[in-house]
Amino acid sequence: MAIYRSDNANLARIPALGIRVLACIAMSIVLMVIDHRQNHLDALRKAIGAAVYPVQIVVDAPFRLWNWLTDSVADRGALQSELARLEAERLLTRAELLQLTALRAENDRLRKLLDARARSHDDIRVAEILSVDANPYRHNIVIGIGTRDGVYEGQAIVDANGVVGQVLEVGLTTSQAILISDPSHALPIEVSRNGLRTIAKGTGAFDRLDLPFLPNNADIRAGDVLVTSGLGGAFPAGYPVAVVDSVNRIPQEPFADVTAVPSSALDQVREVLLIWAGAAAEGANE
C-alpha cells in the first residue's frame, strides 16, 4: 500500500510541474512583448542592474588588478628601455658637441693664421706643435716640419697674434724651437709709438717679458705696443711682440723696471707660422 501511494503522489506532481513551467514561459513571453513595445520594465531593469553592480565590481576586481599589474610592468620596462636609449643618445650627442667645439676652435685658429698670412708679405708656412718640453725652466717646443721643408736654425716663428719664438735645432721632419718666454731668449724690439729700441728678455713665465736695458728717462709707458725691430736678421720688422704692462722708474738705479705681456698666449698655442724672410732665407740656403 505504501508503494502504491508513493507512485500516485509522483504522478500527481507531474502535471502541476508542467503547468508551472508553461505558466513561466507564457509570463516571460508576455513580459518581453510588453517590454519591447512599451518599455514598462526599464525601471525594474535599472533597479536590478544597480543592485547587481557591486557584485560585478567585486567579481571583476581580480581581473582588473591583474591587467593593471601586467600593463604597469610592461609600461615600466618600456620606460626603462626608452630612458636607456635617451641616455645613450644624450651621451653621444654630448661627445659630438665636444668634438664640434674642438673643431670650431681649431677652425678659428686656422682662420686667424690664414688671415695673418694674408697680411704678411713674407713667405710663411703653417706648422703644428707636436710636443712641449716638460722642463719648467726651459720653454721649448717641437714642431712638425724640418729640413725637407726648408726650415733653418734661427728661423722666426709667429702666430696670428704675434711673435712666438724661433727655431733652435732642425731635424729631417721635425724641429725644436725656443719660445720668447724662455729665460735664455732675447729679442730686439722697438716701441711702435716712438721707435725706441731695446731688448725683450724671457722671464720663465709665459705671461711676462722683461725690458732690462731701458734708462729711467726712456719714453715708454704702460700700454705701449712692442714690435720686432728687424735688427739681428732673425725676425722681420713690424711683428707684434708684447704690450708694456708696468713701468717702475727707480731713482737709485740706472735702468727702469719695465715688464710686458706677450701678444701671443704662449702656453696655449697649437699651430704656428714659420717665416721665410728674404734675407734670412737666402742666408740659410747659402
C-alpha atoms as a PDB file:
ATOM      1  CA  MET A   1       0.000   0.000   0.000  1.00  0.00           C
ATOM      2  CA  ALA A   2       2.870   2.439   0.778  1.00  0.00           C
ATOM      3  CA  ILE A   3       4.431   1.925  -2.618  1.00  0.00           C
ATOM      4  CA  TYR A   4       1.173   2.443  -4.359  1.00  0.00           C
ATOM      5  CA  ARG A   5       0.566   5.696  -2.580  1.00  0.00           C
ATOM      6  CA  SER A   6       4.053   6.990  -3.395  1.00  0.00           C
ATOM      7  CA  ASP A   7       3.596   6.331  -7.092  1.00  0.00           C
ATOM      8  CA  ASN A   8       0.257   8.122  -7.062  1.00  0.00           C
ATOM      9  CA  ALA A   9       1.857  11.137  -5.373  1.00  0.00           C
ATOM     10  CA  ASN A  10       4.613  11.352  -8.014  1.00  0.00           C
ATOM     11  CA  LEU A  11       2.024  11.066 -10.799  1.00  0.00           C
ATOM     12  CA  ALA A  12       0.012  13.850  -9.152  1.00  0.00           C
ATOM     13  CA  ARG A  13       3.058  16.178  -9.059  1.00  0.00           C
ATOM     14  CA  ILE A  14       3.996  15.832 -12.718  1.00  0.00           C
ATOM     15  CA  PRO A  15       1.037  17.768 -14.228  1.00  0.00           C
ATOM     16  CA  ALA A  16       1.422  20.511 -11.641  1.00  0.00           C
ATOM     17  CA  LEU A  17       5.166  20.949 -12.549  1.00  0.00           C
ATOM     18  CA  GLY A  18       4.399  21.081 -16.253  1.00  0.00           C
ATOM     19  CA  ILE A  19       1.716  23.662 -15.674  1.00  0.00           C
ATOM     20  CA  ARG A  20       4.147  25.860 -13.712  1.00  0.00           C
ATOM     21  CA  VAL A  21       6.742  25.655 -16.486  1.00  0.00           C
ATOM     22  CA  LEU A  22       4.187  26.577 -19.091  1.00  0.00           C
ATOM     23  CA  ALA A  23       2.964  29.415 -16.935  1.00  0.00           C
ATOM     24  CA  CYS A  24       6.535  30.779 -16.547  1.00  0.00           C
ATOM     25  CA  ILE A  25       7.148  30.558 -20.273  1.00  0.00           C
ATOM     26  CA  ALA A  26       3.880  32.335 -21.028  1.00  0.00           C
ATOM     27  CA  MET A  27       4.642  35.040 -18.456  1.00  0.00           C
ATOM     28  CA  SER A  28       8.125  35.538 -19.922  1.00  0.00           C
ATOM     29  CA  ILE A  29       6.703  35.943 -23.395  1.00  0.00           C
ATOM     30  CA  VAL A  30       4.123  38.440 -22.151  1.00  0.00           C
ATOM     31  CA  LEU A  31       6.793  40.421 -20.270  1.00  0.00           C
ATOM     32  CA  MET A  32       9.102  40.505 -23.306  1.00  0.00           C
ATOM     33  CA  VAL A  33       6.281  41.723 -25.540  1.00  0.00           C
ATOM     34  CA  ILE A  34       5.256  44.400 -23.056  1.00  0.00           C
ATOM     35  CA  ASP A  35       8.895  45.497 -22.535  1.00  0.00           C
ATOM     36  CA  HIS A  36       9.630  45.548 -26.252  1.00  0.00           C
ATOM     37  CA  ARG A  37       6.584  47.611 -27.184  1.00  0.00           C
ATOM     38  CA  GLN A  38       6.026  49.898 -24.221  1.00  0.00           C
ATOM     39  CA  ASN A  39       9.316  49.749 -22.175  1.00  0.00           C
ATOM     40  CA  HIS A  40       7.436  49.319 -18.902  1.00  0.00           C
ATOM     41  CA  LEU A  41      10.270  47.281 -17.369  1.00  0.00           C
ATOM     42  CA  ASP A  42      13.060  49.825 -17.779  1.00  0.00           C
ATOM     43  CA  ALA A  43      12.797  50.980 -14.186  1.00  0.00           C
ATOM     44  CA  LEU A  44      12.862  47.411 -12.921  1.00  0.00           C
ATOM     45  CA  ARG A  45      15.847  46.541 -15.128  1.00  0.00           C
ATOM     46  CA  LYS A  46      17.739  49.577 -13.903  1.00  0.00           C
ATOM     47  CA  ALA A  47      16.995  48.752 -10.302  1.00  0.00           C
ATOM     48  CA  ILE A  48      18.200  45.191 -10.757  1.00  0.00           C
ATOM     49  CA  GLY A  49      21.325  46.458 -12.575  1.00  0.00           C
ATOM     50  CA  ALA A  50      22.107  48.882  -9.740  1.00  0.00           C
ATOM     51  CA  ALA A  51      21.674  46.112  -7.189  1.00  0.00           C
ATOM     52  CA  VAL A  52      23.914  43.715  -9.109  1.00  0.00           C
ATOM     53  CA  TYR A  53      26.651  46.319  -9.940  1.00  0.00           C
ATOM     54  CA  PRO A  54      28.625  45.922  -6.654  1.00  0.00           C
ATOM     55  CA  VAL A  55      28.691  42.175  -7.235  1.00  0.00           C
ATOM     56  CA  GLN A  56      30.080  42.764 -10.740  1.00  0.00           C
ATOM     57  CA  ILE A  57      32.770  45.071  -9.324  1.00  0.00           C
ATOM     58  CA  VAL A  58      33.839  42.501  -6.756  1.00  0.00           C
ATOM     59  CA  VAL A  59      33.892  39.673  -9.301  1.00  0.00           C
ATOM     60  CA  ASP A  60      35.786  41.773 -11.895  1.00  0.00           C
ATOM     61  CA  ALA A  61      38.287  43.265  -9.417  1.00  0.00           C
ATOM     62  CA  PRO A  62      40.880  40.416  -9.613  1.00  0.00           C
ATOM     63  CA  PHE A  63      40.901  40.550 -13.406  1.00  0.00           C
ATOM     64  CA  ARG A  64      41.238  44.339 -13.403  1.00  0.00           C
ATOM     65  CA  LEU A  65      44.065  44.150 -10.865  1.00  0.00           C
ATOM     66  CA  TRP A  66      45.892  41.538 -12.917  1.00  0.00           C
ATOM     67  CA  ASN A  67      45.546  43.594 -16.114  1.00  0.00           C
ATOM     68  CA  TRP A  68      46.754  46.717 -14.287  1.00  0.00           C
ATOM     69  CA  LEU A  69      49.798  44.945 -12.894  1.00  0.00           C
ATOM     70  CA  THR A  70      50.632  43.478 -16.322  1.00  0.00           C
ATOM     71  CA  ASP A  71      50.299  46.860 -18.009  1.00  0.00           C
ATOM     72  CA  SER A  72      52.325  48.562 -15.266  1.00  0.00           C
ATOM     73  CA  VAL A  73      55.187  46.083 -15.590  1.00  0.00           C
ATOM     74  CA  ALA A  74      55.142  46.379 -19.367  1.00  0.00           C
ATOM     75  CA  ASP A  75      54.999  50.192 -19.213  1.00  0.00           C
ATOM     76  CA  ARG A  76      57.836  50.302 -16.668  1.00  0.00           C
ATOM     77  CA  GLY A  77      60.012  48.081 -18.845  1.00  0.00           C
ATOM     78  CA  ALA A  78      59.254  50.217 -21.886  1.00  0.00           C
ATOM     79  CA  LEU A  79      60.026  53.397 -19.958  1.00  0.00           C
ATOM     80  CA  GLN A  80      63.313  51.971 -18.713  1.00  0.00           C
ATOM     81  CA  SER A  81      64.288  50.947 -22.232  1.00  0.00           C
ATOM     82  CA  GLU A  82      63.352  54.374 -23.559  1.00  0.00           C
ATOM     83  CA  LEU A  83      65.283  56.077 -20.750  1.00  0.00           C
ATOM     84  CA  ALA A  84      68.374  53.983 -21.502  1.00  0.00           C
ATOM     85  CA  ARG A  85      68.092  54.828 -25.189  1.00  0.00           C
ATOM     86  CA  LEU A  86      67.705  58.546 -24.500  1.00  0.00           C
ATOM     87  CA  GLU A  87      70.651  58.488 -22.087  1.00  0.00           C
ATOM     88  CA  ALA A  88      72.835  56.826 -24.736  1.00  0.00           C
ATOM     89  CA  GLU A  89      71.715  59.394 -27.293  1.00  0.00           C
ATOM     90  CA  ARG A  90      72.467  62.212 -24.823  1.00  0.00           C
ATOM     91  CA  LEU A  91      75.983  60.932 -24.215  1.00  0.00           C
ATOM     92  CA  LEU A  92      76.572  60.514 -27.936  1.00  0.00           C
ATOM     93  CA  THR A  93      75.245  63.996 -28.638  1.00  0.00           C
ATOM     94  CA  ARG A  94      77.426  65.443 -25.878  1.00  0.00           C
ATOM     95  CA  ALA A  95      80.512  63.723 -27.316  1.00  0.00           C
ATOM     96  CA  GLU A  96      79.686  65.036 -30.795  1.00  0.00           C
ATOM     97  CA  LEU A  97      79.165  68.509 -29.320  1.00  0.00           C
ATOM     98  CA  LEU A  98      82.571  68.388 -27.651  1.00  0.00           C
ATOM     99  CA  GLN A  99      84.158  67.340 -30.933  1.00  0.00           C
ATOM    100  CA  LEU A 100      82.292  70.130 -32.710  1.00  0.00           C
ATOM    101  CA  THR A 101      83.519  72.653 -30.146  1.00  0.00           C
ATOM    102  CA  ALA A 102      87.116  71.485 -30.589  1.00  0.00           C
ATOM    103  CA  LEU A 103      86.790  71.612 -34.387  1.00  0.00           C
ATOM    104  CA  ARG A 104      85.272  75.082 -34.197  1.00  0.00           C
ATOM    105  CA  ALA A 105      88.148  76.313 -32.008  1.00  0.00           C
ATOM    106  CA  GLU A 106      90.668  74.771 -34.390  1.00  0.00           C
ATOM    107  CA  ASN A 107      88.880  76.337 -37.343  1.00  0.00           C
ATOM    108  CA  ASP A 108      89.008  79.748 -35.656  1.00  0.00           C
ATOM    109  CA  ARG A 109      92.739  79.349 -35.025  1.00  0.00           C
ATOM    110  CA  LEU A 110      93.391  78.357 -38.623  1.00  0.00           C
ATOM    111  CA  ARG A 111      91.315  81.270 -39.895  1.00  0.00           C
ATOM    112  CA  LYS A 112      93.382  83.650 -37.802  1.00  0.00           C
ATOM    113  CA  LEU A 113      96.572  82.059 -39.090  1.00  0.00           C
ATOM    114  CA  LEU A 114      95.404  82.385 -42.679  1.00  0.00           C
ATOM    115  CA  ASP A 115      94.441  85.995 -42.063  1.00  0.00           C
ATOM    116  CA  ALA A 116      97.868  86.691 -40.586  1.00  0.00           C
ATOM    117  CA  ARG A 117      99.460  85.067 -43.617  1.00  0.00           C
ATOM    118  CA  ALA A 118      97.394  87.249 -45.933  1.00  0.00           C
ATOM    119  CA  ARG A 119      98.599  90.389 -44.152  1.00  0.00           C
ATOM    120  CA  SER A 120     102.258  89.386 -44.380  1.00  0.00           C
ATOM    121  CA  HIS A 121     104.491  89.831 -47.423  1.00  0.00           C
ATOM    122  CA  ASP A 122     106.972  87.181 -46.239  1.00  0.00           C
ATOM    123  CA  ASP A 123     106.906  83.534 -47.252  1.00  0.00           C
ATOM    124  CA  ILE A 124     105.012  81.747 -44.470  1.00  0.00           C
ATOM    125  CA  ARG A 125     104.039  78.162 -43.728  1.00  0.00           C
ATOM    126  CA  VAL A 126     101.765  76.710 -41.044  1.00  0.00           C
ATOM    127  CA  ALA A 127     103.224  74.092 -38.675  1.00  0.00           C
ATOM    128  CA  GLU A 128     101.638  72.115 -35.850  1.00  0.00           C
ATOM    129  CA  ILE A 129     103.175  71.922 -32.381  1.00  0.00           C
ATOM    130  CA  LEU A 130     103.877  68.251 -31.662  1.00  0.00           C
ATOM    131  CA  SER A 131     105.137  68.437 -28.066  1.00  0.00           C
ATOM    132  CA  VAL A 132     106.216  70.785 -25.300  1.00  0.00           C
ATOM    133  CA  ASP A 133     109.325  70.440 -23.158  1.00  0.00           C
ATOM    134  CA  ALA A 134     108.390  69.140 -19.706  1.00  0.00           C
ATOM    135  CA  ASN A 135     111.295  71.026 -18.076  1.00  0.00           C
ATOM    136  CA  PRO A 136     109.692  74.013 -16.265  1.00  0.00           C
ATOM    137  CA  TYR A 137     112.892  76.058 -16.690  1.00  0.00           C
ATOM    138  CA  ARG A 138     113.003  75.624 -20.473  1.00  0.00           C
ATOM    139  CA  HIS A 139     110.250  76.825 -22.769  1.00  0.00           C
ATOM    140  CA  ASN A 140     110.942  74.635 -25.795  1.00  0.00           C
ATOM    141  CA  ILE A 141     108.536  73.093 -28.298  1.00  0.00           C
ATOM    142  CA  VAL A 142     108.751  70.611 -31.173  1.00  0.00           C
ATOM    143  CA  ILE A 143     107.080  71.493 -34.480  1.00  0.00           C
ATOM    144  CA  GLY A 144     106.113  69.123 -37.266  1.00  0.00           C
ATOM    145  CA  ILE A 145     108.337  70.334 -40.149  1.00  0.00           C
ATOM    146  CA  GLY A 146     112.098  70.129 -40.724  1.00  0.00           C
ATOM    147  CA  THR A 147     114.905  70.439 -43.250  1.00  0.00           C
ATOM    148  CA  ARG A 148     112.949  68.766 -46.034  1.00  0.00           C
ATOM    149  CA  ASP A 149     110.506  71.678 -45.755  1.00  0.00           C
ATOM    150  CA  GLY A 150     113.310  74.253 -45.845  1.00  0.00           C
ATOM    151  CA  VAL A 151     113.351  75.062 -42.112  1.00  0.00           C
ATOM    152  CA  TYR A 152     116.620  76.586 -40.854  1.00  0.00           C
ATOM    153  CA  GLU A 153     118.108  77.391 -37.461  1.00  0.00           C
ATOM    154  CA  GLY A 154     117.182  80.785 -36.083  1.00  0.00           C
ATOM    155  CA  GLN A 155     114.025  80.992 -38.198  1.00  0.00           C
ATOM    156  CA  ALA A 156     111.279  83.213 -36.815  1.00  0.00           C
ATOM    157  CA  ILE A 157     108.047  81.648 -35.514  1.00  0.00           C
ATOM    158  CA  VAL A 158     104.845  83.633 -35.048  1.00  0.00           C
ATOM    159  CA  ASP A 159     101.115  83.027 -34.742  1.00  0.00           C
ATOM    160  CA  ALA A 160      98.044  85.095 -35.523  1.00  0.00           C
ATOM    161  CA  ASN A 161      98.659  87.398 -32.548  1.00  0.00           C
ATOM    162  CA  GLY A 162     102.403  87.942 -32.610  1.00  0.00           C
ATOM    163  CA  VAL A 163     105.880  86.504 -32.161  1.00  0.00           C
ATOM    164  CA  VAL A 164     106.132  83.061 -30.547  1.00  0.00           C
ATOM    165  CA  GLY A 165     109.814  82.135 -30.748  1.00  0.00           C
ATOM    166  CA  GLN A 166     112.472  80.864 -33.151  1.00  0.00           C
ATOM    167  CA  VAL A 167     113.950  77.584 -34.349  1.00  0.00           C
ATOM    168  CA  LEU A 168     116.842  76.120 -32.317  1.00  0.00           C
ATOM    169  CA  GLU A 169     117.602  72.775 -33.946  1.00  0.00           C
ATOM    170  CA  VAL A 170     116.397  71.302 -37.219  1.00  0.00           C
ATOM    171  CA  GLY A 171     115.760  67.650 -38.000  1.00  0.00           C
ATOM    172  CA  LEU A 172     114.590  65.986 -41.174  1.00  0.00           C
ATOM    173  CA  THR A 173     110.871  66.069 -40.366  1.00  0.00           C
ATOM    174  CA  THR A 174     110.685  67.954 -37.052  1.00  0.00           C
ATOM    175  CA  SER A 175     112.366  70.950 -35.466  1.00  0.00           C
ATOM    176  CA  GLN A 176     112.952  72.174 -31.929  1.00  0.00           C
ATOM    177  CA  ALA A 177     112.117  75.780 -31.156  1.00  0.00           C
ATOM    178  CA  ILE A 178     112.503  78.141 -28.193  1.00  0.00           C
ATOM    179  CA  LEU A 179     109.730  80.450 -27.005  1.00  0.00           C
ATOM    180  CA  ILE A 180     110.369  84.127 -26.336  1.00  0.00           C
ATOM    181  CA  SER A 181     109.382  83.494 -22.692  1.00  0.00           C
ATOM    182  CA  ASP A 182     112.415  81.218 -22.135  1.00  0.00           C
ATOM    183  CA  PRO A 183     114.897  82.840 -19.705  1.00  0.00           C
ATOM    184  CA  SER A 184     117.746  82.386 -22.198  1.00  0.00           C
ATOM    185  CA  HIS A 185     115.967  84.125 -25.082  1.00  0.00           C
ATOM    186  CA  ALA A 186     116.425  87.795 -26.015  1.00  0.00           C
ATOM    187  CA  LEU A 187     114.675  89.615 -28.835  1.00  0.00           C
ATOM    188  CA  PRO A 188     115.431  93.034 -30.416  1.00  0.00           C
ATOM    189  CA  ILE A 189     112.262  95.135 -30.279  1.00  0.00           C
ATOM    190  CA  GLU A 190     111.087  98.706 -30.634  1.00  0.00           C
ATOM    191  CA  VAL A 191     108.204 100.759 -29.275  1.00  0.00           C
ATOM    192  CA  SER A 192     105.780 101.273 -32.132  1.00  0.00           C
ATOM    193  CA  ARG A 193     104.710 104.655 -30.750  1.00  0.00           C
ATOM    194  CA  ASN A 194     108.118 106.345 -30.975  1.00  0.00           C
ATOM    195  CA  GLY A 195     110.590 103.829 -32.434  1.00  0.00           C
ATOM    196  CA  LEU A 196     112.518 103.406 -29.163  1.00  0.00           C
ATOM    197  CA  ARG A 197     114.699 100.297 -29.493  1.00  0.00           C
ATOM    198  CA  THR A 198     115.612  97.858 -26.748  1.00  0.00           C
ATOM    199  CA  ILE A 199     115.791  94.145 -25.879  1.00  0.00           C
ATOM    200  CA  ALA A 200     112.971  91.954 -24.532  1.00  0.00           C
ATOM    201  CA  LYS A 201     114.104  89.001 -22.429  1.00  0.00           C
ATOM    202  CA  GLY A 202     112.180  85.949 -21.324  1.00  0.00           C
ATOM    203  CA  THR A 203     111.491  85.517 -17.628  1.00  0.00           C
ATOM    204  CA  GLY A 204     110.465  81.856 -17.443  1.00  0.00           C
ATOM    205  CA  ALA A 205     106.819  82.912 -17.177  1.00  0.00           C
ATOM    206  CA  PHE A 206     104.554  82.594 -20.197  1.00  0.00           C
ATOM    207  CA  ASP A 207     102.790  85.867 -19.446  1.00  0.00           C
ATOM    208  CA  ARG A 208     105.741  88.213 -18.766  1.00  0.00           C
ATOM    209  CA  LEU A 209     108.768  89.634 -20.555  1.00  0.00           C
ATOM    210  CA  ASP A 210     111.390  91.946 -19.091  1.00  0.00           C
ATOM    211  CA  LEU A 211     112.880  95.038 -20.747  1.00  0.00           C
ATOM    212  CA  PRO A 212     116.029  95.356 -18.586  1.00  0.00           C
ATOM    213  CA  PHE A 213     118.007  97.936 -20.578  1.00  0.00           C
ATOM    214  CA  LEU A 214     115.759 100.990 -20.563  1.00  0.00           C
ATOM    215  CA  PRO A 215     117.047 104.019 -18.612  1.00  0.00           C
ATOM    216  CA  ASN A 216     114.781 105.832 -16.190  1.00  0.00           C
ATOM    217  CA  ASN A 217     114.248 108.709 -18.597  1.00  0.00           C
ATOM    218  CA  ALA A 218     113.220 106.478 -21.509  1.00  0.00           C
ATOM    219  CA  ASP A 219     109.988 107.478 -23.263  1.00  0.00           C
ATOM    220  CA  ILE A 220     107.947 104.387 -22.521  1.00  0.00           C
ATOM    221  CA  ARG A 221     104.693 103.853 -20.676  1.00  0.00           C
ATOM    222  CA  ALA A 222     102.153 101.169 -19.887  1.00  0.00           C
ATOM    223  CA  GLY A 223     100.100 100.188 -22.908  1.00  0.00           C
ATOM    224  CA  ASP A 224     102.851 100.764 -25.473  1.00  0.00           C
ATOM    225  CA  VAL A 225     102.937  98.127 -28.195  1.00  0.00           C
ATOM    226  CA  LEU A 226     106.286  96.430 -28.762  1.00  0.00           C
ATOM    227  CA  VAL A 227     107.148  95.074 -32.218  1.00  0.00           C
ATOM    228  CA  THR A 228     110.172  93.409 -33.760  1.00  0.00           C
ATOM    229  CA  SER A 229     112.782  95.935 -34.830  1.00  0.00           C
ATOM    230  CA  GLY A 230     114.262  93.841 -37.625  1.00  0.00           C
ATOM    231  CA  LEU A 231     117.765  94.105 -36.142  1.00  0.00           C
ATOM    232  CA  GLY A 232     119.734  90.880 -35.930  1.00  0.00           C
ATOM    233  CA  GLY A 233     118.227  89.438 -39.101  1.00  0.00           C
ATOM    234  CA  ALA A 234     116.174  86.657 -37.467  1.00  0.00           C
ATOM    235  CA  PHE A 235     112.837  88.448 -37.158  1.00  0.00           C
ATOM    236  CA  PRO A 236     111.446  90.705 -39.870  1.00  0.00           C
ATOM    237  CA  ALA A 237     110.463  94.149 -38.633  1.00  0.00           C
ATOM    238  CA  GLY A 238     106.972  95.048 -37.529  1.00  0.00           C
ATOM    239  CA  TYR A 239     105.648  91.819 -35.963  1.00  0.00           C
ATOM    240  CA  PRO A 240     103.841  92.334 -32.609  1.00  0.00           C
ATOM    241  CA  VAL A 241     105.776  91.025 -29.622  1.00  0.00           C
ATOM    242  CA  ALA A 242     104.174  92.318 -26.419  1.00  0.00           C
ATOM    243  CA  VAL A 243     102.341  95.165 -24.698  1.00  0.00           C
ATOM    244  CA  VAL A 244     104.006  97.102 -21.867  1.00  0.00           C
ATOM    245  CA  ASP A 245     102.374  96.149 -18.595  1.00  0.00           C
ATOM    246  CA  SER A 246     104.223  98.235 -15.981  1.00  0.00           C
ATOM    247  CA  VAL A 247     106.966 100.871 -15.817  1.00  0.00           C
ATOM    248  CA  ASN A 248     108.703 101.362 -12.474  1.00  0.00           C
ATOM    249  CA  ARG A 249     111.351 104.098 -12.503  1.00  0.00           C
ATOM    250  CA  ILE A 250     113.940 103.632  -9.729  1.00  0.00           C
ATOM    251  CA  PRO A 251     115.964 106.795  -8.979  1.00  0.00           C
ATOM    252  CA  GLN A 252     118.843 104.876  -7.355  1.00  0.00           C
ATOM    253  CA  GLU A 253     119.218 102.532 -10.345  1.00  0.00           C
ATOM    254  CA  PRO A 254     120.423 103.305 -13.883  1.00  0.00           C
ATOM    255  CA  PHE A 255     117.617 101.316 -15.523  1.00  0.00           C
ATOM    256  CA  ALA A 256     113.858 101.277 -15.040  1.00  0.00           C
ATOM    257  CA  ASP A 257     111.963  98.117 -14.159  1.00  0.00           C
ATOM    258  CA  VAL A 258     109.754  97.526 -17.213  1.00  0.00           C
ATOM    259  CA  THR A 259     107.647  94.434 -17.849  1.00  0.00           C
ATOM    260  CA  ALA A 260     105.425  93.450 -20.779  1.00  0.00           C
ATOM    261  CA  VAL A 261     102.781  90.849 -21.577  1.00  0.00           C
ATOM    262  CA  PRO A 262     103.397  88.767 -24.754  1.00  0.00           C
ATOM    263  CA  SER A 263     100.893  89.328 -27.528  1.00  0.00           C
ATOM    264  CA  SER A 264     100.523  85.564 -28.025  1.00  0.00           C
ATOM    265  CA  ALA A 265      99.197  83.158 -25.413  1.00  0.00           C
ATOM    266  CA  LEU A 266     102.427  81.167 -25.412  1.00  0.00           C
ATOM    267  CA  ASP A 267     101.088  78.344 -23.243  1.00  0.00           C
ATOM    268  CA  GLN A 268      98.009  77.822 -25.440  1.00  0.00           C
ATOM    269  CA  VAL A 269      99.430  77.878 -28.964  1.00  0.00           C
ATOM    270  CA  ARG A 270      98.511  74.859 -31.113  1.00  0.00           C
ATOM    271  CA  GLU A 271      99.630  75.930 -34.599  1.00  0.00           C
ATOM    272  CA  VAL A 272     102.372  78.381 -35.573  1.00  0.00           C
ATOM    273  CA  LEU A 273     103.653  80.165 -38.660  1.00  0.00           C
ATOM    274  CA  LEU A 274     107.245  79.895 -39.812  1.00  0.00           C
ATOM    275  CA  ILE A 275     108.552  82.949 -41.664  1.00  0.00           C
ATOM    276  CA  TRP A 276     110.938  82.797 -44.594  1.00  0.00           C
ATOM    277  CA  ALA A 277     112.102  86.401 -44.731  1.00  0.00           C
ATOM    278  CA  GLY A 278     114.020  87.219 -47.886  1.00  0.00           C
ATOM    279  CA  ALA A 279     117.497  87.859 -46.460  1.00  0.00           C
ATOM    280  CA  ALA A 280     117.279  85.185 -43.819  1.00  0.00           C
ATOM    281  CA  ALA A 281     116.087  82.561 -46.283  1.00  0.00           C
ATOM    282  CA  GLU A 282     118.828  83.368 -48.732  1.00  0.00           C
ATOM    283  CA  GLY A 283     121.419  83.169 -45.974  1.00  0.00           C
ATOM    284  CA  ALA A 284     120.090  79.772 -44.889  1.00  0.00           C
ATOM    285  CA  ASN A 285     120.132  78.440 -48.453  1.00  0.00           C
ATOM    286  CA  GLU A 286     123.730  79.514 -48.886  1.00  0.00           C
END
